[in-house]
Amino acid sequence: MFDIYLTDTAKNQLERLKKDKGLEKRYHAVKKAIHFLSENPRHKSLQTHEFTSLIGPKGEKIFEAYAEQSTPDAYRIFWYYGPDKKQITIIAITPHP
């Protein structure tokens, strides 16, 4: 199991999803994906892969995980391992770039 930390940006993005009734389905998909991420960052449904266009604040590899698939503007979760062992920091929760 991994402890999940959210940057202020990710917290704000998650809160916006939660407050928007039109995005309720997406909010639940993101919450489910975060749960899978905490259990196993390589969970099959997350389709986790390195996102080479970004680097973490201390040079960490950034990964992209799918919260949704096969839908327009499907949400993605961008994250890195750390700052400590068994910790994951989510830096952004956004529609597919």
Protein backbone atom coordinates (compact mmCIF):
# COMPACT_ATOMS: atom_id res chain seq x y z
CA MET A 1 0.00 0.00 0.00
CA PHE A 2 1.11 3.53 -0.76
CA ASP A 3 0.21 6.69 1.10
CA ILE A 4 -1.25 9.23 -1.32
CA TYR A 5 -0.34 12.92 -1.15
CA LEU A 6 -1.87 15.60 -3.34
CA THR A 7 -0.22 18.87 -4.27
CA ASP A 8 -2.33 21.99 -3.78
CA THR A 9 -2.99 21.98 -7.53
CA ALA A 10 -4.25 18.39 -7.45
CA LYS A 11 -6.38 19.09 -4.36
CA ASN A 12 -8.02 22.03 -6.12
CA GLN A 13 -8.65 20.00 -9.27
CA LEU A 14 -10.21 17.17 -7.26
CA GLU A 15 -12.35 19.60 -5.29
CA ARG A 16 -13.61 21.22 -8.53
CA LEU A 17 -14.61 17.80 -9.83
CA LYS A 18 -16.41 17.02 -6.57
CA LYS A 19 -18.38 20.28 -6.58
CA ASP A 20 -19.51 20.11 -10.21
CA LYS A 21 -22.62 17.91 -10.34
CA GLY A 22 -22.14 17.56 -14.08
CA LEU A 23 -18.79 15.85 -13.44
CA GLU A 24 -19.99 13.51 -10.67
CA LYS A 25 -19.28 10.39 -12.75
CA ARG A 26 -15.77 11.63 -13.49
CA TYR A 27 -15.17 12.46 -9.81
CA HIS A 28 -16.05 8.88 -8.84
CA ALA A 29 -13.80 7.49 -11.58
CA VAL A 30 -10.89 9.61 -10.30
CA LYS A 31 -11.50 8.55 -6.69
CA LYS A 32 -11.55 4.90 -7.77
CA ALA A 33 -8.33 5.36 -9.73
CA ILE A 34 -6.64 6.97 -6.71
CA HIS A 35 -7.70 3.98 -4.62
CA PHE A 36 -6.16 1.60 -7.20
CA LEU A 37 -3.05 3.77 -7.27
CA SER A 38 -2.66 3.43 -3.50
CA GLU A 39 -2.98 -0.35 -3.71
CA ASN A 40 -0.94 -0.99 -6.83
CA PRO A 41 0.38 1.80 -9.10
CA ARG A 42 0.67 -0.79 -11.89
CA HIS A 43 -2.97 -1.89 -11.62
CA LYS A 44 -4.08 -3.03 -15.06
CA SER A 45 -6.98 -0.59 -15.36
CA LEU A 46 -4.73 2.43 -14.66
CA GLN A 47 -2.56 1.77 -17.72
CA THR A 48 0.25 3.56 -15.88
CA HIS A 49 3.14 4.75 -18.01
CA GLU A 50 5.93 7.28 -17.75
CA PHE A 51 5.04 10.76 -18.95
CA THR A 52 8.35 12.03 -20.30
CA SER A 53 7.18 15.60 -20.99
CA LEU A 54 7.29 16.43 -17.27
CA ILE A 55 9.73 15.92 -14.41
CA GLY A 56 9.11 16.11 -10.68
CA PRO A 57 10.34 18.94 -8.44
CA LYS A 58 13.52 17.01 -7.61
CA GLY A 59 13.91 15.32 -10.98
CA GLU A 60 11.50 12.46 -10.27
CA LYS A 61 9.97 10.51 -13.13
CA ILE A 62 6.36 11.53 -13.68
CA PHE A 63 3.76 8.88 -14.47
CA GLU A 64 0.33 9.11 -16.03
CA ALA A 65 -2.54 6.90 -14.89
CA TYR A 66 -5.93 6.63 -16.52
CA ALA A 67 -9.00 7.43 -14.44
CA GLU A 68 -11.20 6.98 -17.52
CA GLN A 69 -10.83 5.45 -20.94
CA SER A 70 -12.58 5.63 -24.29
CA THR A 71 -14.47 8.82 -23.52
CA PRO A 72 -13.92 12.39 -24.73
CA ASP A 73 -11.79 14.41 -22.31
CA ALA A 74 -11.08 11.31 -20.21
CA TYR A 75 -9.41 12.23 -16.94
CA ARG A 76 -5.77 11.43 -16.19
CA ILE A 77 -3.77 11.47 -12.97
CA PHE A 78 -0.15 12.63 -13.06
CA TRP A 79 2.03 11.49 -10.18
CA TYR A 80 5.47 10.47 -8.95
CA TYR A 81 6.90 8.17 -6.30
CA GLY A 82 7.85 9.95 -3.09
CA PRO A 83 8.87 11.96 -1.29
CA ASP A 84 9.49 8.86 0.87
CA LYS A 85 9.21 5.13 0.29
CA LYS A 86 5.67 3.84 -0.05
CA GLN A 87 4.42 7.34 -0.87
CA ILE A 88 2.94 8.71 -4.07
CA THR A 89 2.44 12.39 -4.81
CA ILE A 90 -0.30 13.35 -7.25
CA ILE A 91 0.59 16.57 -9.03
CA ALA A 92 -2.39 16.96 -11.37
CA ILE A 93 -5.81 15.54 -12.19
CA THR A 94 -6.84 16.75 -15.62
CA PRO A 95 -8.74 15.88 -18.78
CA HIS A 96 -6.56 14.04 -21.29
CA PRO A 97 -4.00 16.49 -22.63
